[in-house]
């Protein structure tokens, strides 16, 4: 149809999360077969015409439960996670071989953890978040020489309490909270006779937290049957809406440094062996705490270092693999909530994972 390509998907499901009986801290039993259900529904669309691509998504994920926070709720409570997003990008050749300009606009609307239960304030959460992002990227692949990516990005983000008159929620006394960010980035890659080189950097200026600089450099080399990789990179995570709203003290962004080295050996046509060593340090991690009141604050640092190895033997659908991994947080973790009692080498990874995401 005139070179236009159109695609769409839709899915709906419903299932019982558990068929067991939950007993809360007060000894109250809850039959989860009757009171635990997830109901995801997702619709996506994709339209492409020449260099233009437009994508849209709507996701509605409902979770029903009564288990609550230590004490079971007096009735079933349904929590909704709703997301609507649209993205449009256009690839524009600039007349120079390998040089393409890509403008992009993204809009995202979310209602996470949406639980409108005025009669149950401990569960109540009703906030709408919106983010509008504009991006302009230039990509130049010189084919016989280096390749470059450089560009700029800016976003505007706002969180609004939907039922402010109810008085159960606010952003430190206000109905809304707003952030903005402007960034610039560049990356260059060059293949040489002795190694493949990649170097990049990104600078962000966030309206509430100032400026951050994040570098990245990688060196890779293939000399059959071996390969090696060296990587050093940084990352920056600005506090989210609720990180700021529930801050115990003036909150700061997290900054992460990753060092990594990898080596691989194609032992035979059927066998491949690889090994990796890594060191991850997170400074000023944003940590959640609850002592009757929910709070977020920065602690000193956390992270880990370790080694991973994998042996793969086989071909096609018949593959056998064996792997080994070891990590330690000794000398890295200074967050008590992430520590395992009696060992400074272990981390409660679920807590760390949740802390990184939220």
Protein backbone atom coordinates (compact mmCIF):
# COMPACT_ATOMS: atom_id res chain seq x y z
CA UNK A 1 0.00 0.00 0.00
CA UNK A 2 2.26 2.77 -1.28
CA UNK A 3 5.22 1.37 0.58
CA UNK A 4 3.41 1.68 3.92
CA UNK A 5 3.93 -1.15 6.41
CA UNK A 6 1.46 -1.57 9.26
CA UNK A 7 1.55 -3.99 12.18
CA UNK A 8 -0.40 -4.48 15.39
CA UNK A 9 -0.55 -6.92 18.31
CA UNK A 10 -3.01 -7.42 21.15
CA UNK A 11 -2.99 -9.74 24.14
CA UNK A 12 -5.23 -10.29 27.16
CA UNK A 13 -4.74 -12.76 30.00
CA UNK A 14 -5.93 -13.54 33.50
CA UNK A 15 -4.51 -15.94 36.04
CA UNK A 16 -4.46 -16.81 39.71
CA UNK A 17 -1.15 -15.83 41.31
CA UNK A 18 -1.23 -18.41 44.09
CA UNK A 19 -3.48 -21.18 45.41
CA UNK A 20 -1.93 -21.18 48.89
CA UNK A 21 -3.15 -19.70 52.20
CA UNK A 22 -1.37 -16.58 53.43
CA UNK A 23 -1.24 -15.89 57.16
CA UNK A 24 -0.40 -12.32 58.20
CA UNK A 25 1.53 -11.18 61.28
CA UNK A 26 -1.69 -11.06 63.32
CA UNK A 27 -2.55 -14.67 62.41
CA UNK A 28 -5.32 -13.81 59.94
CA UNK A 29 -5.54 -16.38 57.11
CA UNK A 30 -6.24 -15.33 53.51
CA UNK A 31 -7.22 -17.80 50.77
CA UNK A 32 -5.06 -16.58 47.88
CA UNK A 33 -6.90 -18.81 45.39
CA UNK A 34 -9.81 -16.38 45.81
CA UNK A 35 -7.83 -13.20 46.45
CA UNK A 36 -4.79 -13.13 44.15
CA UNK A 37 -5.13 -12.48 40.44
CA UNK A 38 -3.11 -10.79 37.69
CA UNK A 39 -4.77 -9.51 34.51
CA UNK A 40 -2.39 -8.10 31.88
CA UNK A 41 -3.62 -6.51 28.63
CA UNK A 42 -1.36 -5.01 25.95
CA UNK A 43 -1.94 -3.40 22.54
CA UNK A 44 0.85 -2.26 20.21
CA UNK A 45 0.89 -0.68 16.75
CA UNK A 46 3.67 0.05 14.29
CA UNK A 47 3.53 2.09 11.08
CA UNK A 48 6.52 2.58 8.74
CA UNK A 49 6.71 4.63 5.55
CA UNK A 50 10.04 5.26 3.86
CA UNK A 51 12.26 6.70 6.62
CA UNK A 52 9.41 7.36 9.05
CA UNK A 53 8.51 4.98 11.88
CA UNK A 54 5.70 5.48 14.37
CA UNK A 55 5.07 3.11 17.29
CA UNK A 56 2.41 3.17 19.99
CA UNK A 57 1.73 1.02 23.05
CA UNK A 58 -0.94 0.71 25.69
CA UNK A 59 -0.39 -1.62 28.64
CA UNK A 60 -2.86 -2.22 31.46
CA UNK A 61 -1.62 -4.59 34.16
CA UNK A 62 -3.91 -5.27 37.12
CA UNK A 63 -2.86 -7.09 40.29
CA UNK A 64 -5.45 -8.18 42.85
CA UNK A 65 -4.38 -9.16 46.35
CA UNK A 66 -5.19 -9.02 50.06
CA UNK A 67 -1.84 -9.86 51.63
CA UNK A 68 -0.99 -6.20 52.27
CA UNK A 69 1.93 -4.89 54.31
CA UNK A 70 2.42 -7.36 57.18
CA UNK A 71 -1.32 -7.20 57.98
CA UNK A 72 -3.89 -8.48 55.48
CA UNK A 73 -6.34 -5.99 53.97
CA UNK A 74 -9.98 -6.30 55.07
CA UNK A 75 -11.02 -6.78 51.42
CA UNK A 76 -9.54 -7.46 48.00
CA UNK A 77 -7.42 -4.59 46.65
CA UNK A 78 -6.64 -4.14 42.94
CA UNK A 79 -3.54 -2.22 41.89
CA UNK A 80 -3.23 -1.00 38.30
CA UNK A 81 -0.06 -0.31 36.30
CA UNK A 82 -1.11 1.65 33.19
CA UNK A 83 1.19 2.91 30.46
CA UNK A 84 0.48 4.65 27.17
CA UNK A 85 3.40 5.61 24.94
CA UNK A 86 4.01 6.85 21.41
CA UNK A 87 7.26 7.27 19.52
CA UNK A 88 8.01 8.79 16.09
CA UNK A 89 11.37 8.89 14.35
CA UNK A 90 12.52 9.89 10.88
CA UNK A 91 15.76 8.90 9.14
CA UNK A 92 16.99 11.69 6.84
CA UNK A 93 20.00 11.02 4.53
CA UNK A 94 22.09 14.19 4.29
CA UNK A 95 23.70 13.58 0.91
CA UNK A 96 27.07 12.57 2.34
CA UNK A 97 27.83 8.85 2.12
CA UNK A 98 26.88 7.15 5.38
CA UNK A 99 25.58 10.33 7.08
CA UNK A 100 22.02 10.17 8.47
CA UNK A 101 20.11 12.58 10.69
CA UNK A 102 17.47 11.04 13.01
CA UNK A 103 15.00 13.33 14.83
CA UNK A 104 12.80 11.55 17.37
CA UNK A 105 9.91 12.47 19.67
CA UNK A 106 8.61 10.23 22.46
CA UNK A 107 5.65 10.72 24.77
CA UNK A 108 4.97 8.50 27.77
CA UNK A 109 1.96 8.54 30.13
CA UNK A 110 1.90 6.35 33.25
CA UNK A 111 -0.20 5.57 36.30
CA UNK A 112 2.02 3.18 38.30
CA UNK A 113 0.84 1.48 41.51
CA UNK A 114 -2.59 3.05 40.95
CA UNK A 115 -4.77 2.01 43.90
CA UNK A 116 -7.73 4.31 44.53
CA UNK A 117 -8.83 3.15 47.99
CA UNK A 118 -9.65 6.18 50.21
CA UNK A 119 -10.93 3.80 52.86
CA UNK A 120 -7.52 2.04 52.98
CA UNK A 121 -4.92 4.86 53.14
CA UNK A 122 -1.99 2.42 53.50
CA UNK A 123 -2.69 1.13 49.97
CA UNK A 124 -3.80 4.40 48.37
CA UNK A 125 -1.68 5.75 45.50
CA UNK A 126 -3.08 7.81 42.62
CA UNK A 127 -0.50 9.74 40.59
CA UNK A 128 -0.16 10.37 36.85
CA UNK A 129 3.33 10.80 35.40
CA UNK A 130 4.08 12.22 31.96
CA UNK A 131 7.35 12.58 30.07
CA UNK A 132 7.93 14.26 26.70
CA UNK A 133 11.35 13.65 25.13
CA UNK A 134 12.93 15.16 22.03
CA UNK A 135 16.09 13.72 20.50
CA UNK A 136 18.26 14.64 17.52
CA UNK A 137 21.02 12.22 16.49
CA UNK A 138 23.51 12.28 13.64
CA UNK A 139 25.00 8.93 12.57
CA UNK A 140 27.99 8.87 10.23
CA UNK A 141 29.47 5.57 9.10
CA UNK A 142 32.43 6.25 6.84
CA UNK A 143 32.61 2.54 5.90
CA UNK A 144 36.38 2.46 5.35
CA UNK A 145 37.23 4.66 8.34
CA UNK A 146 35.79 5.63 11.73
CA UNK A 147 32.09 5.88 12.52
CA UNK A 148 30.47 8.55 14.69
CA UNK A 149 27.27 9.10 16.65
CA UNK A 150 26.56 12.47 18.18
CA UNK A 151 23.46 14.34 19.25
CA UNK A 152 21.37 16.04 21.90
CA UNK A 153 18.32 15.14 23.96
CA UNK A 154 15.92 16.96 26.24
CA UNK A 155 12.95 15.85 28.30
CA UNK A 156 10.20 17.38 30.42
CA UNK A 157 8.60 15.28 33.15
CA UNK A 158 5.69 15.97 35.46
CA UNK A 159 3.94 14.04 38.24
CA UNK A 160 0.42 15.05 39.34
CA UNK A 161 -1.68 13.86 42.27
CA UNK A 162 -5.00 13.01 40.63
CA UNK A 163 -7.32 13.56 43.61
CA UNK A 164 -5.52 16.34 45.48
CA UNK A 165 -8.70 17.48 47.29
CA UNK A 166 -8.89 14.11 49.05
CA UNK A 167 -5.80 15.03 51.06
CA UNK A 168 -4.21 11.58 51.13
CA UNK A 169 -1.32 12.52 48.83
CA UNK A 170 0.86 15.45 47.86
CA UNK A 171 4.36 16.22 46.64
CA UNK A 172 5.63 17.84 49.84
CA UNK A 173 2.43 19.87 50.10
CA UNK A 174 2.06 20.55 46.36
CA UNK A 175 -0.19 18.84 43.81
CA UNK A 176 2.53 18.41 41.17
CA UNK A 177 6.28 18.08 40.72
CA UNK A 178 8.22 18.88 37.52
CA UNK A 179 11.70 18.03 36.21
CA UNK A 180 13.56 18.81 33.01
CA UNK A 181 16.87 17.63 31.55
CA UNK A 182 19.15 18.64 28.67
CA UNK A 183 21.97 16.38 27.49
CA UNK A 184 24.56 16.03 24.74
CA UNK A 185 26.42 12.87 23.75
CA UNK A 186 29.01 11.63 21.28
CA UNK A 187 30.60 8.29 20.39
CA UNK A 188 33.34 7.30 17.96
CA UNK A 189 34.41 3.84 16.80
CA UNK A 190 37.50 2.88 14.83
CA UNK A 191 38.69 -0.52 13.61
CA UNK A 192 42.47 -0.84 13.35
CA UNK A 193 44.84 -3.70 12.57
CA UNK A 194 45.59 -4.29 16.24
CA UNK A 195 42.26 -3.50 17.95
CA UNK A 196 38.75 -2.13 17.62
CA UNK A 197 38.35 1.08 19.64
CA UNK A 198 35.22 2.78 20.92
CA UNK A 199 35.01 5.93 23.04
CA UNK A 200 32.03 7.99 24.06
CA UNK A 201 30.70 10.44 26.61
CA UNK A 202 27.44 12.01 27.74
CA UNK A 203 26.79 15.24 29.63
CA UNK A 204 23.45 15.79 31.42
CA UNK A 205 22.12 18.88 33.12
CA UNK A 206 19.08 18.09 35.26
CA UNK A 207 16.93 20.96 36.57
CA UNK A 208 17.00 19.76 40.19
CA UNK A 209 20.35 17.96 40.50
CA UNK A 210 22.88 19.80 38.34
CA UNK A 211 25.37 18.44 35.81
CA UNK A 212 26.79 14.96 35.35
CA UNK A 213 29.48 13.66 32.97
CA UNK A 214 29.60 9.97 32.01
CA UNK A 215 32.43 8.48 29.89
CA UNK A 216 32.71 5.09 28.17
CA UNK A 217 35.64 3.38 26.49
CA UNK A 218 36.01 -0.11 25.05
CA UNK A 219 38.83 -2.03 23.35
CA UNK A 220 38.17 -5.33 21.59
CA UNK A 221 40.45 -7.63 19.63
CA UNK A 222 39.83 -10.81 17.62
CA UNK A 223 42.78 -13.00 16.78
CA UNK A 224 41.24 -16.35 15.95
CA UNK A 225 40.61 -18.57 17.78
CA UNK A 226 40.76 -16.00 20.65
CA UNK A 227 39.06 -12.69 21.44
CA UNK A 228 39.50 -10.14 24.25
CA UNK A 229 37.43 -7.18 25.45
CA UNK A 230 38.25 -4.36 27.89
CA UNK A 231 35.49 -2.00 29.01
CA UNK A 232 35.31 1.00 31.35
CA UNK A 233 32.11 3.00 31.64
CA UNK A 234 30.16 5.30 33.89
CA UNK A 235 26.43 5.77 34.47
CA UNK A 236 24.26 8.41 36.09
CA UNK A 237 20.73 8.01 37.50
CA UNK A 238 18.76 11.05 38.56
CA UNK A 239 16.31 10.56 41.43
CA UNK A 240 12.75 9.72 40.37
CA UNK A 241 9.56 11.52 41.35
CA UNK A 242 8.95 9.54 44.55
CA UNK A 243 12.67 9.50 45.44
CA UNK A 244 12.41 13.28 45.73
CA UNK A 245 8.96 13.32 47.31
CA UNK A 246 9.93 10.89 50.10
CA UNK A 247 13.53 12.05 50.60
CA UNK A 248 14.77 11.93 54.18
CA UNK A 249 17.52 14.46 53.39
CA UNK A 250 18.45 16.36 50.22
CA UNK A 251 18.80 13.54 47.73
CA UNK A 252 21.57 13.24 45.11
CA UNK A 253 21.91 11.22 41.88
CA UNK A 254 23.50 7.77 41.85
CA UNK A 255 26.76 7.36 39.94
CA UNK A 256 28.04 3.97 38.77
CA UNK A 257 31.45 2.87 37.50
CA UNK A 258 31.87 -0.47 35.69
CA UNK A 259 35.21 -2.11 34.82
CA UNK A 260 35.14 -5.32 32.81
CA UNK A 261 37.54 -7.65 31.01
CA UNK A 262 36.60 -10.68 28.91
CA UNK A 263 38.48 -13.36 27.02
CA UNK A 264 37.08 -16.09 24.76
CA UNK A 265 38.52 -19.19 23.05
CA UNK A 266 36.95 -21.10 20.15
CA UNK A 267 38.44 -24.41 21.19
CA UNK A 268 36.95 -26.42 18.31
CA UNK A 269 34.05 -26.06 15.88
CA UNK A 270 31.83 -27.47 18.63
CA UNK A 271 33.29 -25.96 21.80
CA UNK A 272 33.63 -22.36 23.00
CA UNK A 273 35.01 -21.14 26.34
CA UNK A 274 34.71 -17.59 27.73
CA UNK A 275 35.61 -15.89 31.00
CA UNK A 276 34.81 -12.45 32.37
CA UNK A 277 35.99 -10.43 35.38
CA UNK A 278 34.09 -7.35 36.56
CA UNK A 279 34.06 -4.60 39.15
CA UNK A 280 30.89 -2.51 39.77
CA UNK A 281 30.78 0.46 42.15
CA UNK A 282 27.64 2.50 42.86
CA UNK A 283 28.29 5.75 44.71
CA UNK A 284 25.52 7.56 46.58
CA UNK A 285 23.00 4.72 46.05
CA UNK A 286 19.38 5.79 46.56
CA UNK A 287 18.07 3.46 49.28
CA UNK A 288 14.50 2.87 50.45
CA UNK A 289 13.74 2.51 54.16
CA UNK A 290 10.57 1.99 56.18
CA UNK A 291 10.26 2.56 59.92
CA UNK A 292 6.59 3.49 59.97
CA UNK A 293 7.30 6.13 57.32
CA UNK A 294 8.59 5.50 53.79
CA UNK A 295 11.83 7.38 53.00
CA UNK A 296 14.61 7.49 50.41
CA UNK A 297 18.13 8.65 51.14
CA UNK A 298 21.66 8.40 49.74
CA UNK A 299 24.11 6.10 51.47
CA UNK A 300 27.84 5.86 50.86
CA UNK A 301 28.30 3.13 48.25
CA UNK A 302 27.58 -0.43 47.21
CA UNK A 303 28.63 -2.81 44.44
CA UNK A 304 30.45 -6.04 43.80
CA UNK A 305 33.35 -7.64 41.96
CA UNK A 306 33.70 -11.13 40.60
CA UNK A 307 34.28 -13.56 37.77
CA UNK A 308 32.08 -15.54 35.38
CA UNK A 309 32.96 -18.41 33.03
CA UNK A 310 30.97 -20.44 30.50
CA UNK A 311 31.68 -23.50 28.36
CA UNK A 312 29.35 -24.18 25.41
CA UNK A 313 29.53 -27.44 23.48
CA UNK A 314 27.30 -28.38 20.58
CA UNK A 315 25.85 -27.27 17.27
CA UNK A 316 22.39 -26.21 16.09
CA UNK A 317 19.59 -27.26 18.46
CA UNK A 318 21.81 -29.67 20.40
CA UNK A 319 23.80 -27.49 22.82
CA UNK A 320 25.24 -28.28 26.23
CA UNK A 321 26.49 -25.45 28.42
CA UNK A 322 28.13 -25.22 31.82
CA UNK A 323 28.72 -21.96 33.68
CA UNK A 324 30.30 -20.72 36.89
CA UNK A 325 29.95 -17.33 38.58
CA UNK A 326 31.41 -15.85 41.74
CA UNK A 327 30.95 -12.39 43.25
CA UNK A 328 31.87 -10.66 46.46
CA UNK A 329 30.72 -7.40 48.01
CA UNK A 330 33.61 -7.32 50.49
CA UNK A 331 35.07 -3.83 50.61
CA UNK A 332 32.25 -2.53 48.38
CA UNK A 333 28.91 -2.55 50.16
CA UNK A 334 28.24 0.12 52.77
CA UNK A 335 24.43 -0.23 52.72
CA UNK A 336 23.20 -2.23 55.74
CA UNK A 337 19.84 -3.04 54.08
CA UNK A 338 21.65 -4.83 51.25
CA UNK A 339 23.92 -6.87 53.53
CA UNK A 340 23.47 -10.50 54.54
CA UNK A 341 23.81 -11.07 58.29
CA UNK A 342 27.15 -12.60 59.21
CA UNK A 343 28.84 -12.00 55.83
CA UNK A 344 30.29 -8.84 54.31
CA UNK A 345 30.81 -10.68 51.00
CA UNK A 346 27.13 -11.25 50.14
CA UNK A 347 24.32 -8.96 49.02
CA UNK A 348 20.56 -9.28 49.23
CA UNK A 349 20.30 -8.99 45.45
CA UNK A 350 16.52 -8.62 45.34
CA UNK A 351 16.73 -5.50 47.47
CA UNK A 352 19.60 -4.14 45.40
CA UNK A 353 17.71 -4.80 42.17
CA UNK A 354 14.56 -3.08 43.45
CA UNK A 355 16.62 -0.15 44.70
CA UNK A 356 18.24 0.31 41.29
CA UNK A 357 14.91 0.26 39.43
CA UNK A 358 12.78 2.39 41.73
